[in-house]
Amino acid sequence: MSTTTSTRDDLVYELQEIQSEILERVNRAKELLKASGFEGALMRAESYWMAHVITAVSNDHYYFGGSMVSLQDTIDEIETAEEEEEIDED
């Protein structure tokens, strides 16, 4: 494994960790709003800012549409670049 591959693996891992943390925090916010009893606030949050955040970091969601380029797209791009580099080295 080359230094570049190791660095990319570390980068992908770190980005995936950030992605996971963001999604966990959005889920926590949803739980807090649900527990608060503010149904209207929860409905608006799910429809607007939660949707924006979730579609910006992940392609795995139930919302119609998505971000032009999500964090997941960036992760995939880096992983693909790694695979292309390995093919070029052969």
PDB file of N, CA and C in Angstrom:
ATOM      1  N   MET A   1       0.858  -1.180   0.000  1.00  0.00           N
ATOM      2  CA  MET A   1       0.000   0.000   0.000  1.00  0.00           C
ATOM      3  C   MET A   1       0.899   1.237   0.000  1.00  0.00           C
ATOM      4  N   SER A   2       0.659   2.123  -0.922  1.00  0.00           N
ATOM      5  CA  SER A   2       1.479   3.326  -1.017  1.00  0.00           C
ATOM      6  C   SER A   2       1.038   4.357   0.007  1.00  0.00           C
ATOM      7  N   THR A   3       1.892   5.358   0.216  1.00  0.00           N
ATOM      8  CA  THR A   3       1.561   6.447   1.137  1.00  0.00           C
ATOM      9  C   THR A   3       0.315   7.180   0.668  1.00  0.00           C
ATOM     10  N   THR A   4       0.201   7.387  -0.645  1.00  0.00           N
ATOM     11  CA  THR A   4      -0.960   8.081  -1.193  1.00  0.00           C
ATOM     12  C   THR A   4      -2.240   7.306  -0.895  1.00  0.00           C
ATOM     13  N   THR A   5      -2.187   5.984  -1.077  1.00  0.00           N
ATOM     14  CA  THR A   5      -3.362   5.153  -0.801  1.00  0.00           C
ATOM     15  C   THR A   5      -3.722   5.225   0.674  1.00  0.00           C
ATOM     16  N   SER A   6      -2.732   5.136   1.536  1.00  0.00           N
ATOM     17  CA  SER A   6      -2.982   5.218   2.972  1.00  0.00           C
ATOM     18  C   SER A   6      -3.589   6.570   3.335  1.00  0.00           C
ATOM     19  N   THR A   7      -3.058   7.639   2.772  1.00  0.00           N
ATOM     20  CA  THR A   7      -3.589   8.966   3.033  1.00  0.00           C
ATOM     21  C   THR A   7      -5.031   9.077   2.551  1.00  0.00           C
ATOM     22  N   ARG A   8      -5.311   8.532   1.389  1.00  0.00           N
ATOM     23  CA  ARG A   8      -6.690   8.557   0.881  1.00  0.00           C
ATOM     24  C   ARG A   8      -7.606   7.725   1.754  1.00  0.00           C
ATOM     25  N   ASP A   9      -7.143   6.569   2.187  1.00  0.00           N
ATOM     26  CA  ASP A   9      -7.951   5.747   3.084  1.00  0.00           C
ATOM     27  C   ASP A   9      -8.278   6.505   4.362  1.00  0.00           C
ATOM     28  N   ASP A  10      -7.284   7.200   4.896  1.00  0.00           N
ATOM     29  CA  ASP A  10      -7.504   7.996   6.106  1.00  0.00           C
ATOM     30  C   ASP A  10      -8.506   9.111   5.851  1.00  0.00           C
ATOM     31  N   LEU A  11      -8.370   9.762   4.702  1.00  0.00           N
ATOM     32  CA  LEU A  11      -9.285  10.846   4.330  1.00  0.00           C
ATOM     33  C   LEU A  11     -10.709  10.329   4.200  1.00  0.00           C
ATOM     34  N   VAL A  12     -10.879   9.224   3.491  1.00  0.00           N
ATOM     35  CA  VAL A  12     -12.209   8.631   3.316  1.00  0.00           C
ATOM     36  C   VAL A  12     -12.795   8.247   4.669  1.00  0.00           C
ATOM     37  N   TYR A  13     -11.983   7.626   5.514  1.00  0.00           N
ATOM     38  CA  TYR A  13     -12.451   7.230   6.839  1.00  0.00           C
ATOM     39  C   TYR A  13     -12.917   8.439   7.640  1.00  0.00           C
ATOM     40  N   GLU A  14     -12.098   9.498   7.644  1.00  0.00           N
ATOM     41  CA  GLU A  14     -12.437  10.704   8.397  1.00  0.00           C
ATOM     42  C   GLU A  14     -13.713  11.360   7.864  1.00  0.00           C
ATOM     43  N   LEU A  15     -13.848  11.422   6.541  1.00  0.00           N
ATOM     44  CA  LEU A  15     -15.061  11.997   5.949  1.00  0.00           C
ATOM     45  C   LEU A  15     -16.290  11.159   6.295  1.00  0.00           C
ATOM     46  N   GLN A  16     -16.146   9.847   6.306  1.00  0.00           N
ATOM     47  CA  GLN A  16     -17.257   8.978   6.684  1.00  0.00           C
ATOM     48  C   GLN A  16     -17.636   9.173   8.149  1.00  0.00           C
ATOM     49  N   GLU A  17     -16.641   9.395   8.995  1.00  0.00           N
ATOM     50  CA  GLU A  17     -16.898   9.671  10.412  1.00  0.00           C
ATOM     51  C   GLU A  17     -17.671  10.983  10.570  1.00  0.00           C
ATOM     52  N   ILE A  18     -17.246  12.007   9.840  1.00  0.00           N
ATOM     53  CA  ILE A  18     -17.936  13.301   9.884  1.00  0.00           C
ATOM     54  C   ILE A  18     -19.377  13.139   9.403  1.00  0.00           C
ATOM     55  N   GLN A  19     -19.554  12.413   8.309  1.00  0.00           N
ATOM     56  CA  GLN A  19     -20.885  12.154   7.766  1.00  0.00           C
ATOM     57  C   GLN A  19     -21.770  11.478   8.817  1.00  0.00           C
ATOM     58  N   SER A  20     -21.239  10.480   9.459  1.00  0.00           N
ATOM     59  CA  SER A  20     -21.986   9.752  10.483  1.00  0.00           C
ATOM     60  C   SER A  20     -22.364  10.665  11.651  1.00  0.00           C
ATOM     61  N   GLU A  21     -21.426  11.487  12.091  1.00  0.00           N
ATOM     62  CA  GLU A  21     -21.691  12.406  13.195  1.00  0.00           C
ATOM     63  C   GLU A  21     -22.786  13.411  12.833  1.00  0.00           C
ATOM     64  N   ILE A  22     -22.735  13.939  11.624  1.00  0.00           N
ATOM     65  CA  ILE A  22     -23.751  14.911  11.190  1.00  0.00           C
ATOM     66  C   ILE A  22     -25.128  14.259  11.200  1.00  0.00           C
ATOM     67  N   LEU A  23     -25.220  13.061  10.633  1.00  0.00           N
ATOM     68  CA  LEU A  23     -26.512  12.371  10.579  1.00  0.00           C
ATOM     69  C   LEU A  23     -27.013  12.017  11.980  1.00  0.00           C
ATOM     70  N   GLU A  24     -26.097  11.634  12.871  1.00  0.00           N
ATOM     71  CA  GLU A  24     -26.484  11.351  14.254  1.00  0.00           C
ATOM     72  C   GLU A  24     -27.033  12.600  14.940  1.00  0.00           C
ATOM     73  N   ARG A  25     -26.408  13.745  14.707  1.00  0.00           N
ATOM     74  CA  ARG A  25     -26.852  14.992  15.327  1.00  0.00           C
ATOM     75  C   ARG A  25     -28.220  15.431  14.791  1.00  0.00           C
ATOM     76  N   VAL A  26     -28.448  15.233  13.497  1.00  0.00           N
ATOM     77  CA  VAL A  26     -29.765  15.550  12.930  1.00  0.00           C
ATOM     78  C   VAL A  26     -30.821  14.644  13.553  1.00  0.00           C
ATOM     79  N   ASN A  27     -30.503  13.360  13.700  1.00  0.00           N
ATOM     80  CA  ASN A  27     -31.438  12.435  14.336  1.00  0.00           C
ATOM     81  C   ASN A  27     -31.704  12.826  15.784  1.00  0.00           C
ATOM     82  N   ARG A  28     -30.678  13.298  16.478  1.00  0.00           N
ATOM     83  CA  ARG A  28     -30.854  13.754  17.861  1.00  0.00           C
ATOM     84  C   ARG A  28     -31.767  14.969  17.911  1.00  0.00           C
ATOM     85  N   ALA A  29     -31.573  15.893  16.989  1.00  0.00           N
ATOM     86  CA  ALA A  29     -32.443  17.078  16.924  1.00  0.00           C
ATOM     87  C   ALA A  29     -33.889  16.651  16.680  1.00  0.00           C
ATOM     88  N   LYS A  30     -34.076  15.678  15.809  1.00  0.00           N
ATOM     89  CA  LYS A  30     -35.425  15.170  15.518  1.00  0.00           C
ATOM     90  C   LYS A  30     -36.050  14.576  16.785  1.00  0.00           C
ATOM     91  N   GLU A  31     -35.268  13.784  17.530  1.00  0.00           N
ATOM     92  CA  GLU A  31     -35.755  13.196  18.775  1.00  0.00           C
ATOM     93  C   GLU A  31     -36.160  14.276  19.781  1.00  0.00           C
ATOM     94  N   LEU A  32     -35.331  15.316  19.890  1.00  0.00           N
ATOM     95  CA  LEU A  32     -35.633  16.405  20.820  1.00  0.00           C
ATOM     96  C   LEU A  32     -36.921  17.122  20.440  1.00  0.00           C
ATOM     97  N   LEU A  33     -37.083  17.408  19.160  1.00  0.00           N
ATOM     98  CA  LEU A  33     -38.300  18.083  18.708  1.00  0.00           C
ATOM     99  C   LEU A  33     -39.527  17.200  18.909  1.00  0.00           C
ATOM    100  N   LYS A  34     -39.370  15.918  18.627  1.00  0.00           N
ATOM    101  CA  LYS A  34     -40.487  14.993  18.815  1.00  0.00           C
ATOM    102  C   LYS A  34     -40.897  14.941  20.288  1.00  0.00           C
ATOM    103  N   ALA A  35     -39.912  14.859  21.172  1.00  0.00           N
ATOM    104  CA  ALA A  35     -40.189  14.791  22.610  1.00  0.00           C
ATOM    105  C   ALA A  35     -40.760  16.098  23.140  1.00  0.00           C
ATOM    106  N   SER A  36     -40.466  17.201  22.493  1.00  0.00           N
ATOM    107  CA  SER A  36     -40.931  18.512  22.978  1.00  0.00           C
ATOM    108  C   SER A  36     -42.421  18.712  22.780  1.00  0.00           C
ATOM    109  N   GLY A  37     -42.997  17.970  21.851  1.00  0.00           N
ATOM    110  CA  GLY A  37     -44.419  18.133  21.580  1.00  0.00           C
ATOM    111  C   GLY A  37     -44.725  19.234  20.580  1.00  0.00           C
ATOM    112  N   PHE A  38     -43.722  19.899  20.070  1.00  0.00           N
ATOM    113  CA  PHE A  38     -43.930  20.943  19.066  1.00  0.00           C
ATOM    114  C   PHE A  38     -44.021  20.303  17.685  1.00  0.00           C
ATOM    115  N   GLU A  39     -45.174  19.726  17.398  1.00  0.00           N
ATOM    116  CA  GLU A  39     -45.382  18.986  16.148  1.00  0.00           C
ATOM    117  C   GLU A  39     -45.142  19.844  14.903  1.00  0.00           C
ATOM    118  N   GLY A  40     -45.647  21.075  14.919  1.00  0.00           N
ATOM    119  CA  GLY A  40     -45.471  21.961  13.772  1.00  0.00           C
ATOM    120  C   GLY A  40     -43.999  22.253  13.514  1.00  0.00           C
ATOM    121  N   ALA A  41     -43.259  22.508  14.587  1.00  0.00           N
ATOM    122  CA  ALA A  41     -41.821  22.775  14.448  1.00  0.00           C
ATOM    123  C   ALA A  41     -41.107  21.549  13.894  1.00  0.00           C
ATOM    124  N   LEU A  42     -41.482  20.376  14.377  1.00  0.00           N
ATOM    125  CA  LEU A  42     -40.873  19.136  13.877  1.00  0.00           C
ATOM    126  C   LEU A  42     -41.184  18.934  12.400  1.00  0.00           C
ATOM    127  N   MET A  43     -42.431  19.142  12.015  1.00  0.00           N
ATOM    128  CA  MET A  43     -42.816  18.959  10.613  1.00  0.00           C
ATOM    129  C   MET A  43     -42.056  19.923   9.700  1.00  0.00           C
ATOM    130  N   ARG A  44     -41.943  21.170  10.122  1.00  0.00           N
ATOM    131  CA  ARG A  44     -41.206  22.149   9.314  1.00  0.00           C
ATOM    132  C   ARG A  44     -39.718  21.808   9.266  1.00  0.00           C
ATOM    133  N   ALA A  45     -39.152  21.395  10.377  1.00  0.00           N
ATOM    134  CA  ALA A  45     -37.734  21.028  10.413  1.00  0.00           C
ATOM    135  C   ALA A  45     -37.451  19.855   9.476  1.00  0.00           C
ATOM    136  N   GLU A  46     -38.313  18.837   9.525  1.00  0.00           N
ATOM    137  CA  GLU A  46     -38.126  17.673   8.652  1.00  0.00           C
ATOM    138  C   GLU A  46     -38.260  18.053   7.177  1.00  0.00           C
ATOM    139  N   SER A  47     -39.139  18.990   6.901  1.00  0.00           N
ATOM    140  CA  SER A  47     -39.383  19.390   5.512  1.00  0.00           C
ATOM    141  C   SER A  47     -38.331  20.341   4.966  1.00  0.00           C
ATOM    142  N   TYR A  48     -37.672  21.074   5.827  1.00  0.00           N
ATOM    143  CA  TYR A  48     -36.750  22.101   5.349  1.00  0.00           C
ATOM    144  C   TYR A  48     -35.313  21.842   5.787  1.00  0.00           C
ATOM    145  N   TRP A  49     -34.923  22.324   6.958  1.00  0.00           N
ATOM    146  CA  TRP A  49     -33.492  22.280   7.259  1.00  0.00           C
ATOM    147  C   TRP A  49     -32.966  20.865   7.437  1.00  0.00           C
ATOM    148  N   MET A  50     -33.738  19.968   8.021  1.00  0.00           N
ATOM    149  CA  MET A  50     -33.258  18.590   8.143  1.00  0.00           C
ATOM    150  C   MET A  50     -33.073  17.965   6.770  1.00  0.00           C
ATOM    151  N   ALA A  51     -34.016  18.231   5.882  1.00  0.00           N
ATOM    152  CA  ALA A  51     -33.905  17.707   4.517  1.00  0.00           C
ATOM    153  C   ALA A  51     -32.659  18.258   3.827  1.00  0.00           C
ATOM    154  N   HIS A  52     -32.392  19.542   4.006  1.00  0.00           N
ATOM    155  CA  HIS A  52     -31.209  20.148   3.393  1.00  0.00           C
ATOM    156  C   HIS A  52     -29.931  19.490   3.903  1.00  0.00           C
ATOM    157  N   VAL A  53     -29.843  19.330   5.213  1.00  0.00           N
ATOM    158  CA  VAL A  53     -28.638  18.754   5.809  1.00  0.00           C
ATOM    159  C   VAL A  53     -28.465  17.306   5.360  1.00  0.00           C
ATOM    160  N   ILE A  54     -29.516  16.522   5.461  1.00  0.00           N
ATOM    161  CA  ILE A  54     -29.429  15.101   5.125  1.00  0.00           C
ATOM    162  C   ILE A  54     -29.073  14.894   3.661  1.00  0.00           C
ATOM    163  N   THR A  55     -29.716  15.635   2.768  1.00  0.00           N
ATOM    164  CA  THR A  55     -29.414  15.455   1.341  1.00  0.00           C
ATOM    165  C   THR A  55     -28.048  16.018   0.978  1.00  0.00           C
ATOM    166  N   ALA A  56     -27.501  16.903   1.797  1.00  0.00           N
ATOM    167  CA  ALA A  56     -26.159  17.443   1.536  1.00  0.00           C
ATOM    168  C   ALA A  56     -25.064  16.461   1.930  1.00  0.00           C
ATOM    169  N   VAL A  57     -25.347  15.572   2.870  1.00  0.00           N
ATOM    170  CA  VAL A  57     -24.292  14.662   3.336  1.00  0.00           C
ATOM    171  C   VAL A  57     -24.473  13.217   2.904  1.00  0.00           C
ATOM    172  N   SER A  58     -25.666  12.855   2.438  1.00  0.00           N
ATOM    173  CA  SER A  58     -25.931  11.451   2.130  1.00  0.00           C
ATOM    174  C   SER A  58     -26.803  11.316   0.892  1.00  0.00           C
ATOM    175  N   ASN A  59     -26.610  10.224   0.192  1.00  0.00           N
ATOM    176  CA  ASN A  59     -27.501   9.888  -0.926  1.00  0.00           C
ATOM    177  C   ASN A  59     -28.524   8.844  -0.495  1.00  0.00           C
ATOM    178  N   ASP A  60     -28.440   8.393   0.743  1.00  0.00           N
ATOM    179  CA  ASP A  60     -29.323   7.363   1.279  1.00  0.00           C
ATOM    180  C   ASP A  60     -30.389   8.037   2.144  1.00  0.00           C
ATOM    181  N   HIS A  61     -31.467   8.478   1.515  1.00  0.00           N
ATOM    182  CA  HIS A  61     -32.538   9.167   2.220  1.00  0.00           C
ATOM    183  C   HIS A  61     -33.840   8.984   1.453  1.00  0.00           C
ATOM    184  N   TYR A  62     -34.921   9.367   2.081  1.00  0.00           N
ATOM    185  CA  TYR A  62     -36.238   9.206   1.463  1.00  0.00           C
ATOM    186  C   TYR A  62     -36.749  10.494   0.824  1.00  0.00           C
ATOM    187  N   TYR A  63     -35.955  11.546   0.865  1.00  0.00           N
ATOM    188  CA  TYR A  63     -36.384  12.817   0.290  1.00  0.00           C
ATOM    189  C   TYR A  63     -36.319  12.764  -1.232  1.00  0.00           C
ATOM    190  N   PHE A  64     -37.255  13.438  -1.875  1.00  0.00           N
ATOM    191  CA  PHE A  64     -37.259  13.548  -3.332  1.00  0.00           C
ATOM    192  C   PHE A  64     -36.200  14.567  -3.711  1.00  0.00           C
ATOM    193  N   GLY A  65     -35.315  14.183  -4.597  1.00  0.00           N
ATOM    194  CA  GLY A  65     -34.243  15.092  -4.997  1.00  0.00           C
ATOM    195  C   GLY A  65     -33.022  14.911  -4.124  1.00  0.00           C
ATOM    196  N   GLY A  66     -32.161  15.889  -4.189  1.00  0.00           N
ATOM    197  CA  GLY A  66     -30.941  15.808  -3.397  1.00  0.00           C
ATOM    198  C   GLY A  66     -30.029  16.959  -3.720  1.00  0.00           C
ATOM    199  N   SER A  67     -28.839  16.870  -3.211  1.00  0.00           N
ATOM    200  CA  SER A  67     -27.845  17.905  -3.411  1.00  0.00           C
ATOM    201  C   SER A  67     -27.143  17.685  -4.754  1.00  0.00           C
ATOM    202  N   MET A  68     -26.696  18.767  -5.371  1.00  0.00           N
ATOM    203  CA  MET A  68     -25.942  18.630  -6.634  1.00  0.00           C
ATOM    204  C   MET A  68     -24.719  17.748  -6.404  1.00  0.00           C
ATOM    205  N   VAL A  69     -24.015  17.982  -5.322  1.00  0.00           N
ATOM    206  CA  VAL A  69     -22.873  17.157  -4.917  1.00  0.00           C
ATOM    207  C   VAL A  69     -22.952  17.001  -3.405  1.00  0.00           C
ATOM    208  N   SER A  70     -23.139  15.782  -2.968  1.00  0.00           N
ATOM    209  CA  SER A  70     -23.239  15.524  -1.534  1.00  0.00           C
ATOM    210  C   SER A  70     -21.875  15.103  -0.981  1.00  0.00           C
ATOM    211  N   LEU A  71     -21.789  15.068   0.331  1.00  0.00           N
ATOM    212  CA  LEU A  71     -20.579  14.555   0.972  1.00  0.00           C
ATOM    213  C   LEU A  71     -20.320  13.126   0.513  1.00  0.00           C
ATOM    214  N   GLN A  72     -21.375  12.336   0.356  1.00  0.00           N
ATOM    215  CA  GLN A  72     -21.206  10.956  -0.119  1.00  0.00           C
ATOM    216  C   GLN A  72     -20.614  10.939  -1.521  1.00  0.00           C
ATOM    217  N   ASP A  73     -21.029  11.855  -2.385  1.00  0.00           N
ATOM    218  CA  ASP A  73     -20.448  11.944  -3.731  1.00  0.00           C
ATOM    219  C   ASP A  73     -18.953  12.235  -3.658  1.00  0.00           C
ATOM    220  N   THR A  74     -18.560  13.112  -2.741  1.00  0.00           N
ATOM    221  CA  THR A  74     -17.145  13.436  -2.568  1.00  0.00           C
ATOM    222  C   THR A  74     -16.365  12.216  -2.091  1.00  0.00           C
ATOM    223  N   ILE A  75     -16.917  11.487  -1.138  1.00  0.00           N
ATOM    224  CA  ILE A  75     -16.277  10.259  -0.649  1.00  0.00           C
ATOM    225  C   ILE A  75     -16.117   9.266  -1.796  1.00  0.00           C
ATOM    226  N   ASP A  76     -17.183   9.078  -2.563  1.00  0.00           N
ATOM    227  CA  ASP A  76     -17.135   8.150  -3.697  1.00  0.00           C
ATOM    228  C   ASP A  76     -16.091   8.574  -4.724  1.00  0.00           C
ATOM    229  N   GLU A  77     -15.994   9.875  -4.971  1.00  0.00           N
ATOM    230  CA  GLU A  77     -15.015  10.393  -5.935  1.00  0.00           C
ATOM    231  C   GLU A  77     -13.590  10.079  -5.491  1.00  0.00           C
ATOM    232  N   ILE A  78     -13.313  10.257  -4.216  1.00  0.00           N
ATOM    233  CA  ILE A  78     -11.979   9.979  -3.689  1.00  0.00           C
ATOM    234  C   ILE A  78     -11.685   8.482  -3.768  1.00  0.00           C
ATOM    235  N   GLU A  79     -12.656   7.650  -3.420  1.00  0.00           N
ATOM    236  CA  GLU A  79     -12.464   6.200  -3.511  1.00  0.00           C
ATOM    237  C   GLU A  79     -12.233   5.762  -4.954  1.00  0.00           C
ATOM    238  N   THR A  80     -12.981   6.323  -5.879  1.00  0.00           N
ATOM    239  CA  THR A  80     -12.830   5.986  -7.299  1.00  0.00           C
ATOM    240  C   THR A  80     -11.471   6.425  -7.818  1.00  0.00           C
ATOM    241  N   ALA A  81     -11.021   7.599  -7.407  1.00  0.00           N
ATOM    242  CA  ALA A  81      -9.705   8.087  -7.822  1.00  0.00           C
ATOM    243  C   ALA A  81      -8.630   7.130  -7.342  1.00  0.00           C
ATOM    244  N   GLU A  82      -8.795   6.586  -6.153  1.00  0.00           N
ATOM    245  CA  GLU A  82      -7.846   5.610  -5.624  1.00  0.00           C
ATOM    246  C   GLU A  82      -7.818   4.364  -6.490  1.00  0.00           C
ATOM    247  N   GLU A  83      -8.995   3.866  -6.853  1.00  0.00           N
ATOM    248  CA  GLU A  83      -9.064   2.661  -7.680  1.00  0.00           C
ATOM    249  C   GLU A  83      -8.441   2.925  -9.042  1.00  0.00           C
ATOM    250  N   GLU A  84      -8.689   4.092  -9.630  1.00  0.00           N
ATOM    251  CA  GLU A  84      -8.119   4.425 -10.932  1.00  0.00           C
ATOM    252  C   GLU A  84      -6.599   4.519 -10.838  1.00  0.00           C
ATOM    253  N   GLU A  85      -6.091   5.068  -9.726  1.00  0.00           N
ATOM    254  CA  GLU A  85      -4.643   5.178  -9.545  1.00  0.00           C
ATOM    255  C   GLU A  85      -4.015   3.790  -9.455  1.00  0.00           C
ATOM    256  N   GLU A  86      -4.659   2.867  -8.721  1.00  0.00           N
ATOM    257  CA  GLU A  86      -4.133   1.519  -8.605  1.00  0.00           C
ATOM    258  C   GLU A  86      -4.100   0.815  -9.944  1.00  0.00           C
ATOM    259  N   ILE A  87      -5.110   1.024 -10.784  1.00  0.00           N
ATOM    260  CA  ILE A  87      -5.141   0.436 -12.124  1.00  0.00           C
ATOM    261  C   ILE A  87      -4.010   0.997 -12.963  1.00  0.00           C
ATOM    262  N   ASP A  88      -3.769   2.310 -12.870  1.00  0.00           N
ATOM    263  CA  ASP A  88      -2.693   2.952 -13.616  1.00  0.00           C
ATOM    264  C   ASP A  88      -1.334   2.437 -13.207  1.00  0.00           C
ATOM    265  N   GLU A  89      -1.166   2.080 -11.911  1.00  0.00           N
ATOM    266  CA  GLU A  89       0.118   1.596 -11.417  1.00  0.00           C
ATOM    267  C   GLU A  89       0.442   0.214 -11.954  1.00  0.00           C
ATOM    268  N   ASP A  90      -0.574  -0.581 -12.344  1.00  0.00           N
ATOM    269  CA  ASP A  90      -0.359  -1.958 -12.830  1.00  0.00           C
ATOM    270  C   ASP A  90       0.219  -2.010 -14.196  1.00  0.00           C
TER     271      ASP A  90
END
